[in-house]
Amino acid sequence: MNLNQVRALYKSLKSGGLAIKYPFLVLICLLVSNQMVSAGTTMGQVSSLAGNVVPGVTDAVAIAAQSGSIILRRDGTVICRGDNSKGQTNVPAGLNNVVAVAVGEEHSMVLKKDGTVLSWGGLPTAPGVSNNVIAIAAGGSEAGGFSLILKQNGTVFGWTKNNYWGQTSVPPGLNNVIAIAAGAYHSLALKSDGTVVGWGFNYMGQVNIPPGLTNVVAVSAGGYHSMALKRDGTVVAWGMNDYGEATVPSGLSNVVAIAAGGYHSVALKSNGKVVAWGEPTAANVSASLSNVVAVAGGYYGSTCITAPLEINCVEVTNQNRTVNFHTFFGQQYAVEYSPDLAPNSWALLSGSTISGNGYDVSVIDTAAIVGPRFYRLKQ
């Protein structure tokens, strides 16, 4: 059986109902001449929190959202979606080697591998922006956009067409910054000591950092509210609360990432599940949404990247087969094997039932194997 035959078999089984009868089947691996052959994968799928999948994208590694969105693909290229009134979705020809993305009200922005920044749409790159940039952020609302960059030396620089609210007026002497965030008209900076600094529009108290806020590991700026993720996996929010966007659900814990939208807030938990609150439509999360690895807060709704359950690879050493896959905290996993993919031929691999820990794990098949060996993952 060659690779083309394996792929044809996989498609035939899937169309014939195997994926419905066994909904946990997401990847089939065949060992031929000590090589692993992948029959199908959907890593890096993009969807709304409500479960509406973006077609044609299965290799996303990062995403940013506002009125539109920008998706970073595994090969370092990007895709832009949404409003194009200012040309913000017209990706420059030949753009590659991108490592981070950001999007504002009227512009898109990328950070390249060499530390340079490129923007297009309603707000071009500011003249003189150096090539020692390590992070970017973009914001803005009806009055236009603004951009922030974090330099390698821990300082921040910003630019805009209209600085009426002071969103790009970085506080003098601000240094030791390790992360930045941009809202509608305000900015946040996370310092290396775990404290947060805010500036810009403050009518809703969005830059009034809560007293005693420390041990912060991530920040996010929404329309008129702000969020901080603490080292212990809890979340703090402040600012506008007209829709409850600054009221963190009681007992929320084990959070690994946050995203502040226009009038809603999003938290990604270590088990790959998402919790959202605030404006009801934007905070609507599909009950079936799982295996989420990244979230982005849009103005009227948020987007996420999922890494569907799959085997990453099978390694062969001294007749042993090591099955590698990613897990989510608190989820149960098991590996099954089959010699021929027959519906009744699948058996549980000894010692393969494990509890997820949020990391990649390995399960070893020590049985003597003659001929093909197929594996699948259950959750």
Protein backbone atom coordinates (compact mmCIF):
# COMPACT_ATOMS: atom_id res chain seq x y z
CA MET A 1 0.00 0.00 0.00
CA ASN A 2 1.56 3.32 -1.07
CA LEU A 3 0.90 6.87 0.12
CA ASN A 4 -1.68 7.61 -2.57
CA GLN A 5 -3.55 4.44 -1.65
CA VAL A 6 -3.51 5.41 2.03
CA ARG A 7 -4.92 8.85 1.25
CA ALA A 8 -7.57 7.35 -0.99
CA LEU A 9 -8.49 4.88 1.74
CA TYR A 10 -8.70 7.64 4.34
CA LYS A 11 -11.00 9.73 2.13
CA SER A 12 -13.11 6.68 1.34
CA LEU A 13 -13.49 5.77 5.01
CA LYS A 14 -14.30 9.34 5.97
CA SER A 15 -16.92 9.76 3.26
CA GLY A 16 -18.30 6.33 4.07
CA GLY A 17 -19.22 7.28 7.60
CA LEU A 18 -16.23 6.18 9.70
CA ALA A 19 -15.61 9.72 10.93
CA ILE A 20 -19.25 9.87 12.06
CA LYS A 21 -19.27 6.44 13.67
CA TYR A 22 -15.93 7.21 15.30
CA PRO A 23 -15.94 11.01 15.74
CA PHE A 24 -12.61 10.87 17.58
CA LEU A 25 -10.79 9.74 14.41
CA VAL A 26 -8.71 12.64 13.14
CA LEU A 27 -5.42 11.20 11.92
CA ILE A 28 -4.35 7.83 10.58
CA CYS A 29 -0.66 6.91 10.49
CA LEU A 30 0.88 4.13 8.42
CA LEU A 31 4.37 2.79 8.95
CA VAL A 32 6.00 1.77 5.66
CA SER A 33 9.69 0.93 5.56
CA ASN A 34 10.13 2.59 8.98
CA GLN A 35 8.63 5.88 7.81
CA MET A 36 5.54 7.58 9.16
CA VAL A 37 2.94 8.61 6.60
CA SER A 38 0.29 11.14 7.58
CA ALA A 39 -3.03 10.56 5.87
CA GLY A 40 -4.71 13.81 6.88
CA THR A 41 -4.47 16.72 9.31
CA THR A 42 -6.29 19.94 10.21
CA MET A 43 -3.87 21.74 12.50
CA GLY A 44 -4.40 25.48 12.94
CA GLN A 45 -8.04 25.88 11.96
CA VAL A 46 -9.58 29.34 12.45
CA SER A 47 -13.14 29.93 13.62
CA SER A 48 -15.35 32.35 15.51
CA LEU A 49 -16.19 31.52 19.12
CA ALA A 50 -19.64 30.54 17.86
CA GLY A 51 -17.98 27.83 15.75
CA ASN A 52 -18.12 29.40 12.28
CA VAL A 53 -15.02 28.05 10.55
CA VAL A 54 -12.93 30.18 8.19
CA PRO A 55 -12.72 28.09 4.99
CA GLY A 56 -9.40 27.17 3.45
CA VAL A 57 -7.20 27.83 6.49
CA THR A 58 -5.74 24.81 8.30
CA ASP A 59 -2.24 26.06 9.13
CA ALA A 60 -2.78 29.17 11.27
CA VAL A 61 -0.29 29.84 14.08
CA ALA A 62 -1.42 33.31 15.23
CA ILE A 63 -4.34 35.66 14.70
CA ALA A 64 -5.35 39.24 15.49
CA ALA A 65 -8.85 40.70 15.21
CA GLN A 66 -10.66 44.02 15.32
CA SER A 67 -13.28 44.98 12.73
CA GLY A 68 -11.43 42.54 10.48
CA SER A 69 -8.74 39.97 11.13
CA ILE A 70 -5.24 39.00 10.06
CA ILE A 71 -4.08 35.37 10.15
CA LEU A 72 -0.45 34.27 10.34
CA ARG A 73 0.18 30.97 8.58
CA ARG A 74 2.83 28.39 9.39
CA ASP A 75 4.92 29.36 6.36
CA GLY A 76 5.27 32.99 7.51
CA THR A 77 2.68 34.44 5.13
CA VAL A 78 -0.56 36.17 6.14
CA ILE A 79 -4.22 36.34 5.14
CA CYS A 80 -6.41 39.38 5.82
CA ARG A 81 -10.21 39.31 6.06
CA GLY A 82 -12.97 41.85 6.66
CA ASP A 83 -13.40 45.54 5.89
CA ASN A 84 -11.11 46.81 3.12
CA SER A 85 -12.29 50.43 2.95
CA LYS A 86 -8.72 51.65 3.57
CA GLY A 87 -6.93 48.82 1.79
CA GLN A 88 -6.19 47.07 5.09
CA THR A 89 -6.77 43.60 3.64
CA ASN A 90 -4.54 44.16 0.60
CA VAL A 91 -1.53 42.14 1.72
CA PRO A 92 1.68 43.45 0.09
CA ALA A 93 2.92 41.16 -2.67
CA GLY A 94 5.70 38.82 -1.63
CA LEU A 95 5.26 39.38 2.11
CA ASN A 96 6.85 36.51 4.06
CA ASN A 97 8.94 35.68 7.11
CA VAL A 98 6.25 37.14 9.37
CA VAL A 99 6.37 36.16 13.07
CA ALA A 100 3.61 38.33 14.61
CA VAL A 101 0.46 40.14 13.44
CA ALA A 102 -1.78 42.98 14.64
CA VAL A 103 -4.81 44.79 13.23
CA GLY A 104 -6.38 48.16 13.99
CA GLU A 105 -9.56 49.86 12.90
CA GLU A 106 -8.18 50.84 9.49
CA HIS A 107 -4.83 49.11 9.10
CA SER A 108 -2.94 45.83 9.33
CA MET A 109 0.51 45.37 10.79
CA VAL A 110 3.15 42.63 10.84
CA LEU A 111 6.47 41.95 12.53
CA LYS A 112 9.02 40.11 10.43
CA LYS A 113 11.68 37.65 11.48
CA ASP A 114 14.42 40.25 11.02
CA GLY A 115 12.75 42.60 13.55
CA THR A 116 11.32 45.01 10.98
CA VAL A 117 7.72 46.22 10.92
CA LEU A 118 5.38 46.73 7.98
CA SER A 119 1.92 48.35 8.02
CA TRP A 120 -0.64 48.97 5.28
CA GLY A 121 -4.11 50.42 4.94
CA GLY A 122 -5.13 53.62 6.69
CA LEU A 123 -1.95 53.91 8.78
CA PRO A 124 1.41 53.18 7.14
CA THR A 125 4.59 52.33 9.01
CA ALA A 126 6.04 55.37 10.76
CA PRO A 127 9.28 56.73 9.29
CA GLY A 128 12.38 55.73 11.19
CA VAL A 129 10.97 52.64 12.90
CA SER A 130 14.06 50.57 13.69
CA ASN A 131 14.66 46.89 13.03
CA ASN A 132 15.03 45.82 16.65
CA VAL A 133 11.31 45.32 17.30
CA ILE A 134 10.15 42.27 19.31
CA ALA A 135 6.37 42.89 19.63
CA ILE A 136 3.61 44.93 17.97
CA ALA A 137 0.08 46.09 18.80
CA ALA A 138 -2.57 47.97 16.82
CA GLY A 139 -5.72 49.71 17.99
CA GLY A 140 -8.15 52.48 17.16
CA SER A 141 -11.82 53.06 16.55
CA GLU A 142 -13.96 55.48 14.53
CA ALA A 143 -11.31 58.21 14.59
CA GLY A 144 -8.68 56.02 12.94
CA GLY A 145 -5.98 53.65 14.12
CA PHE A 146 -2.76 53.73 16.06
CA SER A 147 0.24 51.44 16.37
CA LEU A 148 2.65 50.46 19.12
CA ILE A 149 5.98 48.65 18.92
CA LEU A 150 8.07 47.13 21.67
CA LYS A 151 11.80 47.39 21.12
CA GLN A 152 14.45 44.91 22.14
CA ASN A 153 15.68 47.30 24.82
CA GLY A 154 12.29 47.23 26.60
CA THR A 155 11.06 50.63 25.45
CA VAL A 156 7.83 51.44 23.58
CA PHE A 157 7.13 53.70 20.60
CA GLY A 158 3.77 54.60 19.07
CA TRP A 159 2.31 56.53 16.17
CA THR A 160 -1.10 57.63 14.87
CA LYS A 161 -2.78 60.23 12.67
CA ASN A 162 -4.75 61.57 15.63
CA ASN A 163 -3.30 61.46 19.15
CA TYR A 164 -6.16 63.41 20.69
CA TRP A 165 -6.55 60.93 23.56
CA GLY A 166 -2.81 60.47 24.11
CA GLN A 167 -2.86 56.78 23.17
CA THR A 168 0.59 57.01 21.62
CA SER A 169 2.05 59.38 24.24
CA VAL A 170 4.21 56.80 25.96
CA PRO A 171 4.94 57.79 29.59
CA PRO A 172 8.44 59.27 29.91
CA GLY A 173 10.98 56.84 31.29
CA LEU A 174 8.88 53.73 30.64
CA ASN A 175 11.25 50.78 30.29
CA ASN A 176 11.68 47.08 31.08
CA VAL A 177 8.51 46.38 29.10
CA ILE A 178 7.92 42.79 27.95
CA ALA A 179 4.44 43.03 26.34
CA ILE A 180 2.09 45.69 24.95
CA ALA A 181 -1.61 45.99 24.10
CA ALA A 182 -3.71 48.55 22.20
CA GLY A 183 -7.41 49.29 22.71
CA ALA A 184 -9.78 51.73 21.04
CA TYR A 185 -8.00 54.80 22.43
CA HIS A 186 -5.78 53.49 25.23
CA SER A 187 -2.58 51.50 25.62
CA LEU A 188 -1.14 49.04 28.13
CA ALA A 189 2.39 47.88 28.87
CA LEU A 190 3.44 44.88 30.96
CA LYS A 191 6.75 45.30 32.75
CA SER A 192 9.26 42.59 33.61
CA ASP A 193 8.40 42.90 37.31
CA GLY A 194 4.80 41.83 36.62
CA THR A 195 3.26 45.29 36.98
CA VAL A 196 1.14 47.14 34.38
CA VAL A 197 1.23 50.70 33.07
CA GLY A 198 -1.60 52.33 31.10
CA TRP A 199 -2.08 55.58 29.19
CA GLY A 200 -4.50 57.26 26.80
CA PHE A 201 -8.28 57.69 26.99
CA ASN A 202 -9.47 57.06 30.54
CA TYR A 203 -13.10 58.13 30.65
CA MET A 204 -14.16 54.62 31.69
CA GLY A 205 -11.18 54.07 33.99
CA GLN A 206 -9.52 51.69 31.55
CA VAL A 207 -6.03 52.95 32.33
CA ASN A 208 -6.58 53.09 36.11
CA ILE A 209 -4.56 50.02 37.01
CA PRO A 210 -6.14 48.27 40.02
CA PRO A 211 -4.11 48.93 43.20
CA GLY A 212 -1.77 46.10 44.09
CA LEU A 213 -2.00 44.38 40.71
CA THR A 214 1.18 42.30 40.40
CA ASN A 215 2.37 38.94 39.08
CA VAL A 216 0.84 39.70 35.68
CA VAL A 217 1.99 37.60 32.72
CA ALA A 218 -0.21 39.00 29.91
CA VAL A 219 -2.36 42.07 29.16
CA SER A 220 -5.10 42.86 26.66
CA ALA A 221 -6.85 46.14 25.84
CA GLY A 222 -10.45 46.17 24.59
CA GLY A 223 -12.73 48.91 23.38
CA TYR A 224 -12.94 50.72 26.70
CA HIS A 225 -11.81 48.11 29.20
CA SER A 226 -8.61 46.27 30.09
CA MET A 227 -7.62 42.76 31.16
CA ALA A 228 -4.66 41.18 32.91
CA LEU A 229 -3.75 37.50 33.28
CA LYS A 230 -1.95 36.65 36.50
CA ARG A 231 0.68 33.99 37.04
CA ASP A 232 -1.74 31.88 39.06
CA GLY A 233 -4.13 31.56 36.08
CA THR A 234 -6.69 34.07 37.34
CA VAL A 235 -7.93 37.15 35.46
CA VAL A 236 -8.45 40.78 36.47
CA ALA A 237 -10.50 43.25 34.38
CA TRP A 238 -11.34 46.93 34.79
CA GLY A 239 -12.79 49.89 32.89
CA MET A 240 -16.12 50.04 31.07
CA ASN A 241 -18.61 47.49 32.39
CA ASP A 242 -21.85 48.41 30.61
CA TYR A 243 -22.21 44.86 29.28
CA GLY A 244 -20.43 43.13 32.15
CA GLU A 245 -17.19 42.93 30.18
CA ALA A 246 -15.13 43.88 33.26
CA THR A 247 -16.94 41.44 35.56
CA VAL A 248 -14.80 38.32 35.58
CA PRO A 249 -16.88 35.15 36.14
CA SER A 250 -16.62 33.91 39.71
CA GLY A 251 -14.18 31.06 40.15
CA LEU A 252 -12.52 31.44 36.74
CA SER A 253 -9.11 29.78 36.95
CA ASN A 254 -6.51 27.82 34.96
CA VAL A 255 -6.48 30.55 32.30
CA VAL A 256 -3.54 30.55 29.88
CA ALA A 257 -4.47 33.39 27.50
CA ILE A 258 -6.83 36.40 27.39
CA ALA A 259 -8.37 38.67 24.75
CA ALA A 260 -10.37 41.85 25.25
CA GLY A 261 -12.89 42.67 22.53
CA GLY A 262 -14.97 45.75 21.90
CA TYR A 263 -17.50 45.11 24.65
CA HIS A 264 -16.67 41.56 25.72
CA SER A 265 -13.84 39.54 27.23
CA VAL A 266 -12.39 36.12 26.42
CA ALA A 267 -10.31 33.67 28.45
CA LEU A 268 -8.65 30.51 27.16
CA LYS A 269 -8.30 27.76 29.75
CA SER A 270 -5.58 25.13 29.99
CA ASN A 271 -8.05 22.42 28.95
CA GLY A 272 -8.51 24.06 25.53
CA LYS A 273 -11.95 25.47 26.41
CA VAL A 274 -12.99 29.12 26.09
CA VAL A 275 -14.96 31.29 28.52
CA ALA A 276 -16.40 34.62 27.33
CA TRP A 277 -18.50 37.31 28.98
CA GLY A 278 -19.88 40.76 28.19
CA GLU A 279 -22.03 41.74 25.20
CA PRO A 280 -24.09 38.55 24.62
CA THR A 281 -23.72 38.18 20.85
CA ALA A 282 -19.97 38.72 20.86
CA ALA A 283 -19.50 36.51 23.93
CA ASN A 284 -21.45 33.58 22.47
CA VAL A 285 -19.27 30.46 22.67
CA SER A 286 -20.25 27.22 20.94
CA ALA A 287 -20.66 24.34 23.37
CA SER A 288 -18.68 22.13 20.99
CA LEU A 289 -15.69 24.47 20.75
CA SER A 290 -12.62 22.69 22.11
CA ASN A 291 -8.88 22.19 21.63
CA VAL A 292 -8.41 25.95 21.31
CA VAL A 293 -4.79 27.14 21.32
CA ALA A 294 -5.17 30.91 20.71
CA VAL A 295 -7.83 33.63 20.99
CA ALA A 296 -8.14 37.13 19.53
CA GLY A 297 -10.60 39.79 20.66
CA GLY A 298 -12.44 41.47 17.80
CA TYR A 299 -14.57 44.57 18.14
CA TYR A 300 -17.93 42.85 17.62
CA GLY A 301 -16.85 39.24 18.06
CA SER A 302 -13.77 37.15 18.68
CA THR A 303 -11.82 34.55 16.77
CA CYS A 304 -9.78 31.55 17.81
CA ILE A 305 -7.38 28.93 16.50
CA THR A 306 -8.05 25.27 17.20
CA ALA A 307 -5.61 22.39 17.00
CA PRO A 308 -7.89 19.38 16.46
CA LEU A 309 -7.00 16.16 18.18
CA GLU A 310 -4.24 14.48 16.19
CA ILE A 311 -1.07 12.46 16.28
CA ASN A 312 1.91 14.70 15.57
CA CYS A 313 4.23 11.94 14.44
CA VAL A 314 5.31 8.33 14.99
CA GLU A 315 9.01 7.73 15.60
CA VAL A 316 10.66 4.36 14.93
CA THR A 317 13.66 3.22 17.01
CA ASN A 318 14.83 -0.38 17.49
CA GLN A 319 11.47 -1.79 16.40
CA ASN A 320 9.63 0.36 18.94
CA ARG A 321 7.10 2.91 17.75
CA THR A 322 6.70 6.13 19.75
CA VAL A 323 3.41 7.96 19.16
CA ASN A 324 3.60 11.70 19.89
CA PHE A 325 0.63 14.01 20.38
CA HIS A 326 -0.43 17.19 22.18
CA THR A 327 -2.70 17.11 25.21
CA PHE A 328 -4.89 19.56 27.06
CA PHE A 329 -5.02 19.76 30.83
CA GLY A 330 -7.71 17.63 32.43
CA GLN A 331 -8.64 15.74 29.25
CA GLN A 332 -8.35 11.93 28.94
CA TYR A 333 -6.55 10.36 25.96
CA ALA A 334 -5.93 6.87 24.58
CA VAL A 335 -4.12 5.49 21.53
CA GLU A 336 -5.62 2.65 19.48
CA TYR A 337 -3.94 0.61 16.76
CA SER A 338 -5.04 -1.50 13.80
CA PRO A 339 -3.22 -3.66 11.22
CA ASP A 340 -5.62 -2.93 8.36
CA LEU A 341 -8.16 -0.17 9.31
CA ALA A 342 -11.02 -2.68 9.43
CA PRO A 343 -13.81 -1.29 11.65
CA ASN A 344 -13.55 -4.11 14.19
CA SER A 345 -9.77 -4.36 14.18
CA TRP A 346 -8.95 -1.45 16.47
CA ALA A 347 -7.47 -2.29 19.88
CA LEU A 348 -6.29 -0.19 22.81
CA LEU A 349 -2.53 0.22 22.93
CA SER A 350 -1.26 -1.01 26.28
CA GLY A 351 -0.31 1.82 28.66
CA SER A 352 -1.68 4.51 26.33
CA THR A 353 -4.51 5.83 28.54
CA ILE A 354 -3.28 9.08 30.07
CA SER A 355 -4.51 12.36 31.56
CA GLY A 356 -3.58 15.49 29.62
CA ASN A 357 -1.13 17.96 31.12
CA GLY A 358 -1.16 20.72 28.52
CA TYR A 359 2.02 19.49 26.86
CA ASP A 360 3.17 17.09 24.15
CA VAL A 361 3.35 13.48 25.35
CA SER A 362 4.72 10.22 23.97
CA VAL A 363 3.29 6.70 24.10
CA ILE A 364 5.51 3.75 23.16
CA ASP A 365 4.29 0.70 21.24
CA THR A 366 6.73 -2.05 22.24
CA ALA A 367 5.04 -4.89 20.38
CA ALA A 368 6.92 -6.63 17.58
CA ILE A 369 5.42 -5.26 14.39
CA VAL A 370 5.35 -7.04 11.05
CA GLY A 371 3.69 -5.14 8.19
CA PRO A 372 1.62 -1.96 8.37
CA ARG A 373 0.49 -0.48 11.68
CA PHE A 374 -2.17 2.22 11.93
CA TYR A 375 -2.76 4.48 14.95
CA ARG A 376 -5.57 6.75 15.99
CA LEU A 377 -6.17 8.97 18.99
CA LYS A 378 -9.25 9.04 21.22
CA GLN A 379 -10.30 11.75 23.64
